Amino acid sequence: MTRILVISDTHVKTVKELPEGILQAVKEAEWVVHCGDFVSIAVVDELQRSSRRFTGVYGNIDPIEVRHRLASEVILEVEGKRIAVIHPPWGGPPFGLEEELVTRFPDVDAILFGHTHEPCNMILEGTLLLNPGQGYPSFMVPASTGILTVSRGELRGEISTLD
């Protein structure tokens, strides 16, 4: 069984600005995937250092240093499952994004994505779509994370909100 912590849209200059629940989850996770919009190369560096295993992609508002370090999309192979990771670097309105992603990645079992700041855990056309939401609390919206579990050929997504 593989459990992957999924975070996105952290929008901070340093990991010290992240909620304690996310920092603790990163320390405990066997694998951390960040779906873009770090905002700072320091956050990429700090998450890589504090994660056992780390995968990240850049987002539409990430600076050039982050874009030079990370790809815009990645395909992971986990226990025989293909998992796409993306933060649509083209930006734009979030409505219809799920359908667009399923069309863009027709040969994957799951898509981990950011950009909308809205948690999403759904199956569309046989593909699991998991967006952890935003990695920081804002007015009336808590920070949230996702967990992708891959076990015995099955994929399961979960969303957790942080107080």
N, C-alpha and C. Protein backbone atom coordinates (compact mmCIF):
# COMPACT_ATOMS: atom_id res chain seq x y z
N MET A 1 0.85 -1.19 0.00
CA MET A 1 0.00 0.00 0.00
C MET A 1 0.89 1.25 0.00
N THR A 2 0.52 2.21 -0.83
CA THR A 2 1.22 3.49 -0.89
C THR A 2 0.22 4.60 -0.57
N ARG A 3 0.61 5.46 0.38
CA ARG A 3 -0.22 6.63 0.71
C ARG A 3 0.56 7.88 0.35
N ILE A 4 -0.07 8.73 -0.45
CA ILE A 4 0.57 9.94 -0.94
C ILE A 4 -0.18 11.16 -0.39
N LEU A 5 0.55 12.04 0.30
CA LEU A 5 -0.01 13.31 0.75
C LEU A 5 -0.01 14.26 -0.44
N VAL A 6 -1.16 14.84 -0.73
CA VAL A 6 -1.29 15.76 -1.86
C VAL A 6 -1.63 17.14 -1.31
N ILE A 7 -0.80 18.12 -1.69
CA ILE A 7 -1.04 19.51 -1.30
C ILE A 7 -0.93 20.39 -2.54
N SER A 8 -1.48 21.58 -2.47
CA SER A 8 -1.44 22.49 -3.62
C SER A 8 -1.72 23.91 -3.15
N ASP A 9 -1.40 24.83 -4.03
CA ASP A 9 -1.76 26.23 -3.83
C ASP A 9 -1.43 26.71 -2.42
N THR A 10 -0.16 26.52 -2.04
CA THR A 10 0.26 26.94 -0.70
C THR A 10 0.45 28.45 -0.62
N HIS A 11 0.91 29.08 -1.68
CA HIS A 11 0.98 30.54 -1.76
C HIS A 11 1.69 31.17 -0.56
N VAL A 12 2.85 30.62 -0.20
CA VAL A 12 3.62 31.18 0.91
C VAL A 12 5.07 31.35 0.50
N LYS A 13 5.78 32.22 1.19
CA LYS A 13 7.20 32.47 0.90
C LYS A 13 8.12 31.48 1.61
N THR A 14 7.63 30.89 2.74
CA THR A 14 8.42 29.93 3.50
C THR A 14 7.47 28.90 4.11
N VAL A 15 7.94 27.67 4.30
CA VAL A 15 7.05 26.64 4.86
C VAL A 15 6.60 26.97 6.28
N LYS A 16 7.35 27.82 6.98
CA LYS A 16 6.94 28.21 8.33
C LYS A 16 5.57 28.91 8.34
N GLU A 17 5.16 29.42 7.19
CA GLU A 17 3.85 30.08 7.07
C GLU A 17 2.71 29.08 6.86
N LEU A 18 3.05 27.82 6.58
CA LEU A 18 2.02 26.81 6.37
C LEU A 18 1.37 26.41 7.70
N PRO A 19 0.13 25.95 7.65
CA PRO A 19 -0.51 25.48 8.88
C PRO A 19 0.27 24.32 9.49
N GLU A 20 0.29 24.26 10.82
CA GLU A 20 1.01 23.20 11.52
C GLU A 20 0.55 21.81 11.08
N GLY A 21 -0.73 21.66 10.78
CA GLY A 21 -1.25 20.36 10.34
C GLY A 21 -0.61 19.89 9.04
N ILE A 22 -0.34 20.81 8.15
CA ILE A 22 0.33 20.44 6.89
C ILE A 22 1.79 20.09 7.16
N LEU A 23 2.46 20.88 7.98
CA LEU A 23 3.86 20.59 8.30
C LEU A 23 4.00 19.22 8.93
N GLN A 24 3.10 18.88 9.85
CA GLN A 24 3.14 17.57 10.50
C GLN A 24 2.86 16.46 9.49
N ALA A 25 1.88 16.67 8.62
CA ALA A 25 1.54 15.67 7.61
C ALA A 25 2.71 15.42 6.66
N VAL A 26 3.44 16.47 6.30
CA VAL A 26 4.61 16.33 5.43
C VAL A 26 5.67 15.47 6.12
N LYS A 27 5.91 15.72 7.40
CA LYS A 27 6.91 14.93 8.14
C LYS A 27 6.54 13.45 8.21
N GLU A 28 5.26 13.17 8.32
CA GLU A 28 4.79 11.79 8.50
C GLU A 28 4.59 11.04 7.19
N ALA A 29 4.43 11.76 6.07
CA ALA A 29 4.08 11.12 4.80
C ALA A 29 5.24 10.34 4.20
N GLU A 30 4.91 9.23 3.57
CA GLU A 30 5.94 8.49 2.85
C GLU A 30 6.23 9.15 1.50
N TRP A 31 5.26 9.91 0.97
CA TRP A 31 5.44 10.57 -0.31
C TRP A 31 4.60 11.85 -0.27
N VAL A 32 5.18 12.96 -0.67
CA VAL A 32 4.48 14.23 -0.74
C VAL A 32 4.44 14.68 -2.20
N VAL A 33 3.25 15.01 -2.67
CA VAL A 33 3.08 15.56 -4.02
C VAL A 33 2.48 16.95 -3.86
N HIS A 34 3.14 17.94 -4.46
CA HIS A 34 2.64 19.33 -4.45
C HIS A 34 2.22 19.68 -5.87
N CYS A 35 0.97 20.09 -6.01
CA CYS A 35 0.38 20.35 -7.32
C CYS A 35 0.48 21.82 -7.74
N GLY A 36 1.54 22.51 -7.36
CA GLY A 36 1.83 23.82 -7.90
C GLY A 36 1.29 25.02 -7.14
N ASP A 37 1.80 26.18 -7.54
CA ASP A 37 1.62 27.47 -6.88
C ASP A 37 2.25 27.46 -5.49
N PHE A 38 3.55 27.21 -5.49
CA PHE A 38 4.37 27.31 -4.29
C PHE A 38 4.54 28.78 -3.94
N VAL A 39 4.87 29.59 -4.96
CA VAL A 39 5.13 31.02 -4.93
C VAL A 39 6.61 31.34 -4.65
N SER A 40 7.36 30.38 -4.09
CA SER A 40 8.75 30.65 -3.72
C SER A 40 9.58 29.39 -3.89
N ILE A 41 10.78 29.54 -4.44
CA ILE A 41 11.71 28.41 -4.55
C ILE A 41 12.11 27.90 -3.18
N ALA A 42 12.10 28.77 -2.17
CA ALA A 42 12.43 28.35 -0.81
C ALA A 42 11.44 27.29 -0.32
N VAL A 43 10.18 27.40 -0.70
CA VAL A 43 9.18 26.40 -0.30
C VAL A 43 9.46 25.07 -0.98
N VAL A 44 9.84 25.10 -2.25
CA VAL A 44 10.22 23.87 -2.94
C VAL A 44 11.39 23.21 -2.21
N ASP A 45 12.43 23.99 -1.94
CA ASP A 45 13.62 23.46 -1.26
C ASP A 45 13.28 22.87 0.10
N GLU A 46 12.49 23.59 0.88
CA GLU A 46 12.16 23.14 2.23
C GLU A 46 11.28 21.90 2.22
N LEU A 47 10.35 21.82 1.30
CA LEU A 47 9.50 20.63 1.21
C LEU A 47 10.32 19.42 0.74
N GLN A 48 11.23 19.63 -0.20
CA GLN A 48 12.10 18.52 -0.64
C GLN A 48 12.94 18.01 0.51
N ARG A 49 13.49 18.91 1.32
CA ARG A 49 14.33 18.51 2.46
C ARG A 49 13.55 17.77 3.53
N SER A 50 12.31 18.18 3.78
CA SER A 50 11.56 17.60 4.88
C SER A 50 10.68 16.43 4.47
N SER A 51 10.69 16.06 3.19
CA SER A 51 9.88 14.93 2.71
C SER A 51 10.75 13.71 2.49
N ARG A 52 10.22 12.54 2.79
CA ARG A 52 10.93 11.29 2.48
C ARG A 52 11.05 11.13 0.97
N ARG A 53 9.95 11.42 0.28
CA ARG A 53 9.92 11.38 -1.18
C ARG A 53 9.06 12.56 -1.61
N PHE A 54 9.50 13.28 -2.63
CA PHE A 54 8.81 14.51 -3.03
C PHE A 54 8.66 14.57 -4.55
N THR A 55 7.48 14.97 -5.00
CA THR A 55 7.23 15.26 -6.40
C THR A 55 6.46 16.58 -6.44
N GLY A 56 6.86 17.47 -7.31
CA GLY A 56 6.15 18.74 -7.44
C GLY A 56 6.11 19.19 -8.89
N VAL A 57 5.12 19.99 -9.22
CA VAL A 57 5.01 20.63 -10.52
C VAL A 57 4.79 22.12 -10.28
N TYR A 58 5.15 22.93 -11.27
CA TYR A 58 4.93 24.37 -11.07
C TYR A 58 3.53 24.78 -11.47
N GLY A 59 3.09 25.88 -10.89
CA GLY A 59 1.76 26.42 -11.17
C GLY A 59 1.81 27.70 -11.97
N ASN A 60 0.66 28.22 -12.29
CA ASN A 60 0.56 29.39 -13.17
C ASN A 60 1.13 30.67 -12.55
N ILE A 61 1.27 30.75 -11.22
CA ILE A 61 1.85 31.97 -10.66
C ILE A 61 3.23 31.75 -10.05
N ASP A 62 3.80 30.56 -10.27
CA ASP A 62 5.13 30.31 -9.73
C ASP A 62 6.20 31.10 -10.48
N PRO A 63 7.22 31.57 -9.75
CA PRO A 63 8.29 32.36 -10.38
C PRO A 63 9.20 31.48 -11.25
N ILE A 64 10.03 32.13 -12.02
CA ILE A 64 10.90 31.46 -12.98
C ILE A 64 11.82 30.43 -12.31
N GLU A 65 12.28 30.70 -11.08
CA GLU A 65 13.17 29.75 -10.39
C GLU A 65 12.46 28.42 -10.16
N VAL A 66 11.19 28.46 -9.83
CA VAL A 66 10.42 27.24 -9.63
C VAL A 66 10.19 26.54 -10.97
N ARG A 67 9.90 27.33 -12.01
CA ARG A 67 9.66 26.75 -13.34
C ARG A 67 10.91 26.10 -13.92
N HIS A 68 12.07 26.60 -13.57
CA HIS A 68 13.31 25.99 -14.04
C HIS A 68 13.61 24.69 -13.30
N ARG A 69 13.14 24.56 -12.08
CA ARG A 69 13.42 23.38 -11.25
C ARG A 69 12.42 22.25 -11.51
N LEU A 70 11.14 22.60 -11.69
CA LEU A 70 10.08 21.60 -11.77
C LEU A 70 9.42 21.60 -13.15
N ALA A 71 8.84 20.48 -13.50
CA ALA A 71 8.09 20.35 -14.75
C ALA A 71 6.68 20.92 -14.58
N SER A 72 6.00 21.14 -15.68
CA SER A 72 4.61 21.60 -15.62
C SER A 72 3.66 20.44 -15.37
N GLU A 73 4.09 19.23 -15.71
CA GLU A 73 3.28 18.04 -15.45
C GLU A 73 4.20 16.83 -15.34
N VAL A 74 3.76 15.84 -14.58
CA VAL A 74 4.53 14.63 -14.33
C VAL A 74 3.57 13.45 -14.37
N ILE A 75 4.04 12.32 -14.89
CA ILE A 75 3.28 11.07 -14.80
C ILE A 75 4.05 10.14 -13.86
N LEU A 76 3.39 9.69 -12.80
CA LEU A 76 3.98 8.77 -11.82
C LEU A 76 3.45 7.37 -12.09
N GLU A 77 4.27 6.37 -11.82
CA GLU A 77 3.84 4.97 -11.84
C GLU A 77 3.88 4.49 -10.39
N VAL A 78 2.74 4.11 -9.86
CA VAL A 78 2.65 3.66 -8.47
C VAL A 78 1.86 2.35 -8.45
N GLU A 79 2.54 1.29 -8.08
CA GLU A 79 1.90 -0.02 -7.99
C GLU A 79 1.08 -0.34 -9.23
N GLY A 80 1.65 -0.06 -10.40
CA GLY A 80 0.99 -0.37 -11.66
C GLY A 80 -0.05 0.64 -12.10
N LYS A 81 -0.25 1.68 -11.35
CA LYS A 81 -1.21 2.73 -11.72
C LYS A 81 -0.47 3.95 -12.24
N ARG A 82 -1.03 4.57 -13.26
CA ARG A 82 -0.46 5.80 -13.83
C ARG A 82 -1.21 7.00 -13.26
N ILE A 83 -0.42 7.93 -12.70
CA ILE A 83 -1.00 9.09 -12.01
C ILE A 83 -0.38 10.36 -12.58
N ALA A 84 -1.21 11.23 -13.13
CA ALA A 84 -0.76 12.52 -13.65
C ALA A 84 -0.79 13.54 -12.52
N VAL A 85 0.20 14.43 -12.52
CA VAL A 85 0.25 15.54 -11.56
C VAL A 85 0.39 16.81 -12.39
N ILE A 86 -0.49 17.79 -12.14
CA ILE A 86 -0.47 19.03 -12.92
C ILE A 86 -1.11 20.17 -12.12
N HIS A 87 -0.63 21.36 -12.38
CA HIS A 87 -1.31 22.59 -11.98
C HIS A 87 -1.39 23.35 -13.29
N PRO A 88 -2.55 23.45 -13.89
CA PRO A 88 -2.60 24.02 -15.23
C PRO A 88 -1.80 25.33 -15.33
N PRO A 89 -0.61 25.29 -15.95
CA PRO A 89 0.22 26.49 -16.00
C PRO A 89 -0.36 27.58 -16.87
N TRP A 90 -1.37 27.23 -17.66
CA TRP A 90 -2.01 28.23 -18.50
C TRP A 90 -3.00 29.07 -17.71
N GLY A 91 -3.32 28.67 -16.46
CA GLY A 91 -4.23 29.46 -15.62
C GLY A 91 -5.64 29.43 -16.18
N GLY A 92 -6.31 30.54 -16.11
CA GLY A 92 -7.65 30.63 -16.67
C GLY A 92 -8.73 30.22 -15.68
N PRO A 93 -9.99 30.32 -16.12
CA PRO A 93 -11.10 30.02 -15.22
C PRO A 93 -11.14 28.54 -14.88
N PRO A 94 -11.56 28.23 -13.65
CA PRO A 94 -11.54 26.84 -13.20
C PRO A 94 -12.69 25.98 -13.70
N PHE A 95 -13.79 26.60 -14.18
CA PHE A 95 -14.93 25.77 -14.57
C PHE A 95 -14.59 24.97 -15.82
N GLY A 96 -14.99 23.70 -15.81
CA GLY A 96 -14.70 22.81 -16.93
C GLY A 96 -13.31 22.20 -16.88
N LEU A 97 -12.53 22.51 -15.85
CA LEU A 97 -11.16 22.04 -15.78
C LEU A 97 -11.08 20.52 -15.69
N GLU A 98 -11.96 19.90 -14.92
CA GLU A 98 -11.90 18.45 -14.74
C GLU A 98 -12.05 17.74 -16.09
N GLU A 99 -13.01 18.16 -16.90
CA GLU A 99 -13.20 17.55 -18.22
C GLU A 99 -11.99 17.77 -19.11
N GLU A 100 -11.41 18.95 -19.03
CA GLU A 100 -10.22 19.27 -19.82
C GLU A 100 -9.05 18.37 -19.43
N LEU A 101 -8.89 18.13 -18.13
CA LEU A 101 -7.78 17.29 -17.66
C LEU A 101 -7.96 15.83 -18.08
N VAL A 102 -9.18 15.32 -18.00
CA VAL A 102 -9.43 13.94 -18.43
C VAL A 102 -9.13 13.79 -19.92
N THR A 103 -9.44 14.80 -20.72
CA THR A 103 -9.13 14.77 -22.15
C THR A 103 -7.62 14.84 -22.37
N ARG A 104 -6.94 15.66 -21.58
CA ARG A 104 -5.49 15.83 -21.73
C ARG A 104 -4.71 14.58 -21.35
N PHE A 105 -5.22 13.82 -20.37
CA PHE A 105 -4.53 12.61 -19.87
C PHE A 105 -5.44 11.39 -20.04
N PRO A 106 -5.64 10.91 -21.28
CA PRO A 106 -6.58 9.81 -21.49
C PRO A 106 -6.09 8.45 -20.98
N ASP A 107 -4.79 8.31 -20.75
CA ASP A 107 -4.24 7.00 -20.40
C ASP A 107 -3.75 6.92 -18.96
N VAL A 108 -4.35 7.68 -18.05
CA VAL A 108 -3.95 7.60 -16.64
C VAL A 108 -5.13 7.10 -15.81
N ASP A 109 -4.80 6.64 -14.62
CA ASP A 109 -5.82 6.14 -13.69
C ASP A 109 -6.28 7.23 -12.73
N ALA A 110 -5.40 8.22 -12.48
CA ALA A 110 -5.74 9.31 -11.56
C ALA A 110 -5.04 10.59 -12.01
N ILE A 111 -5.64 11.71 -11.67
CA ILE A 111 -5.05 13.03 -11.93
C ILE A 111 -5.08 13.81 -10.63
N LEU A 112 -3.89 14.22 -10.18
CA LEU A 112 -3.75 15.08 -9.01
C LEU A 112 -3.53 16.49 -9.55
N PHE A 113 -4.34 17.45 -9.10
CA PHE A 113 -4.23 18.79 -9.69
C PHE A 113 -4.55 19.87 -8.68
N GLY A 114 -4.12 21.07 -9.01
CA GLY A 114 -4.40 22.25 -8.21
C GLY A 114 -5.10 23.30 -9.05
N HIS A 115 -4.95 24.56 -8.66
CA HIS A 115 -5.40 25.75 -9.37
C HIS A 115 -6.74 26.28 -8.90
N THR A 116 -7.73 25.43 -8.66
CA THR A 116 -9.07 25.94 -8.36
C THR A 116 -9.25 26.37 -6.91
N HIS A 117 -8.37 25.90 -6.02
CA HIS A 117 -8.48 26.13 -4.57
C HIS A 117 -9.71 25.44 -3.98
N GLU A 118 -10.40 24.65 -4.78
CA GLU A 118 -11.59 23.93 -4.34
C GLU A 118 -11.26 22.45 -4.24
N PRO A 119 -11.43 21.83 -3.08
CA PRO A 119 -11.21 20.39 -2.99
C PRO A 119 -12.11 19.63 -3.96
N CYS A 120 -11.55 18.60 -4.55
CA CYS A 120 -12.29 17.78 -5.50
C CYS A 120 -11.81 16.34 -5.34
N ASN A 121 -12.74 15.43 -5.19
CA ASN A 121 -12.44 14.00 -5.11
C ASN A 121 -13.57 13.31 -5.85
N MET A 122 -13.35 13.03 -7.13
CA MET A 122 -14.42 12.48 -7.95
C MET A 122 -13.86 11.55 -9.01
N ILE A 123 -14.73 10.75 -9.58
CA ILE A 123 -14.35 9.91 -10.70
C ILE A 123 -15.11 10.43 -11.91
N LEU A 124 -14.36 10.69 -12.98
CA LEU A 124 -14.93 11.19 -14.22
C LEU A 124 -14.39 10.32 -15.35
N GLU A 125 -15.29 9.71 -16.08
CA GLU A 125 -14.92 8.84 -17.19
C GLU A 125 -13.89 7.78 -16.77
N GLY A 126 -14.07 7.24 -15.56
CA GLY A 126 -13.21 6.19 -15.07
C GLY A 126 -11.89 6.64 -14.48
N THR A 127 -11.65 7.95 -14.42
CA THR A 127 -10.40 8.51 -13.89
C THR A 127 -10.69 9.21 -12.56
N LEU A 128 -9.87 8.89 -11.55
CA LEU A 128 -9.98 9.57 -10.26
C LEU A 128 -9.33 10.95 -10.38
N LEU A 129 -10.07 11.98 -10.03
CA LEU A 129 -9.55 13.35 -9.99
C LEU A 129 -9.49 13.80 -8.55
N LEU A 130 -8.29 14.22 -8.11
CA LEU A 130 -8.11 14.64 -6.72
C LEU A 130 -7.40 15.98 -6.68
N ASN A 131 -8.11 16.99 -6.17
CA ASN A 131 -7.55 18.31 -5.94
C ASN A 131 -7.66 18.56 -4.44
N PRO A 132 -6.52 18.76 -3.77
CA PRO A 132 -6.57 18.91 -2.31
C PRO A 132 -7.12 20.25 -1.84
N GLY A 133 -7.37 21.18 -2.74
CA GLY A 133 -7.79 22.51 -2.32
C GLY A 133 -6.57 23.36 -1.98
N GLN A 134 -6.77 24.41 -1.21
CA GLN A 134 -5.67 25.32 -0.90
C GLN A 134 -4.95 24.93 0.37
N GLY A 135 -3.63 25.14 0.36
CA GLY A 135 -2.79 24.76 1.49
C GLY A 135 -2.63 25.86 2.52
N TYR A 136 -3.56 26.77 2.59
CA TYR A 136 -3.53 27.84 3.59
C TYR A 136 -4.97 28.22 3.92
N PRO A 137 -5.23 28.65 5.14
CA PRO A 137 -6.58 29.10 5.45
C PRO A 137 -6.79 30.54 4.96
N SER A 138 -7.99 30.80 4.49
CA SER A 138 -8.35 32.17 4.14
C SER A 138 -9.75 32.42 4.69
N PHE A 139 -10.26 33.59 4.50
CA PHE A 139 -11.55 33.97 5.08
C PHE A 139 -12.60 32.91 4.78
N MET A 140 -13.09 32.25 5.82
CA MET A 140 -14.17 31.27 5.74
C MET A 140 -13.80 29.98 4.99
N VAL A 141 -12.54 29.82 4.57
CA VAL A 141 -12.12 28.62 3.85
C VAL A 141 -10.91 28.03 4.56
N PRO A 142 -11.04 26.83 5.11
CA PRO A 142 -9.90 26.23 5.80
C PRO A 142 -8.87 25.69 4.81
N ALA A 143 -7.65 25.51 5.29
CA ALA A 143 -6.64 24.80 4.50
C ALA A 143 -7.08 23.35 4.39
N SER A 144 -6.66 22.69 3.33
CA SER A 144 -7.01 21.29 3.17
C SER A 144 -5.89 20.53 2.46
N THR A 145 -5.91 19.23 2.62
CA THR A 145 -4.95 18.34 1.97
C THR A 145 -5.71 17.16 1.39
N GLY A 146 -5.02 16.41 0.57
CA GLY A 146 -5.59 15.19 0.03
C GLY A 146 -4.69 14.02 0.37
N ILE A 147 -5.25 12.85 0.36
CA ILE A 147 -4.49 11.61 0.48
C ILE A 147 -4.92 10.72 -0.67
N LEU A 148 -3.94 10.25 -1.43
CA LEU A 148 -4.21 9.26 -2.46
C LEU A 148 -3.63 7.94 -1.96
N THR A 149 -4.48 6.93 -1.84
CA THR A 149 -4.04 5.61 -1.41
C THR A 149 -4.11 4.67 -2.61
N VAL A 150 -3.00 3.99 -2.85
CA VAL A 150 -2.94 2.98 -3.90
C VAL A 150 -2.68 1.65 -3.21
N SER A 151 -3.61 0.72 -3.36
CA SER A 151 -3.49 -0.56 -2.67
C SER A 151 -4.17 -1.66 -3.48
N ARG A 152 -3.41 -2.70 -3.78
CA ARG A 152 -3.95 -3.87 -4.48
C ARG A 152 -4.70 -3.49 -5.74
N GLY A 153 -4.14 -2.59 -6.51
CA GLY A 153 -4.75 -2.20 -7.76
C GLY A 153 -5.91 -1.23 -7.64
N GLU A 154 -6.19 -0.77 -6.45
CA GLU A 154 -7.29 0.17 -6.21
C GLU A 154 -6.73 1.54 -5.85
N LEU A 155 -7.43 2.58 -6.30
CA LEU A 155 -7.08 3.97 -5.97
C LEU A 155 -8.21 4.54 -5.13
N ARG A 156 -7.84 5.27 -4.07
CA ARG A 156 -8.84 5.94 -3.25
C ARG A 156 -8.34 7.32 -2.89
N GLY A 157 -9.17 8.33 -3.06
CA GLY A 157 -8.83 9.69 -2.69
C GLY A 157 -9.61 10.13 -1.46
N GLU A 158 -8.98 10.96 -0.63
CA GLU A 158 -9.63 11.54 0.55
C GLU A 158 -9.23 13.00 0.64
N ILE A 159 -10.12 13.80 1.18
CA ILE A 159 -9.83 15.22 1.46
C ILE A 159 -9.93 15.43 2.96
N SER A 160 -8.97 16.16 3.53
CA SER A 160 -9.01 16.51 4.94
C SER A 160 -8.90 18.02 5.07
N THR A 161 -9.77 18.61 5.86
CA THR A 161 -9.66 20.03 6.15
C THR A 161 -8.94 20.21 7.47
N LEU A 162 -8.23 21.31 7.60
CA LEU A 162 -7.45 21.60 8.80
C LEU A 162 -8.07 22.78 9.52
N ASP A 163 -8.18 22.67 10.84
CA ASP A 163 -8.73 23.78 11.63
C ASP A 163 -7.66 24.83 11.85
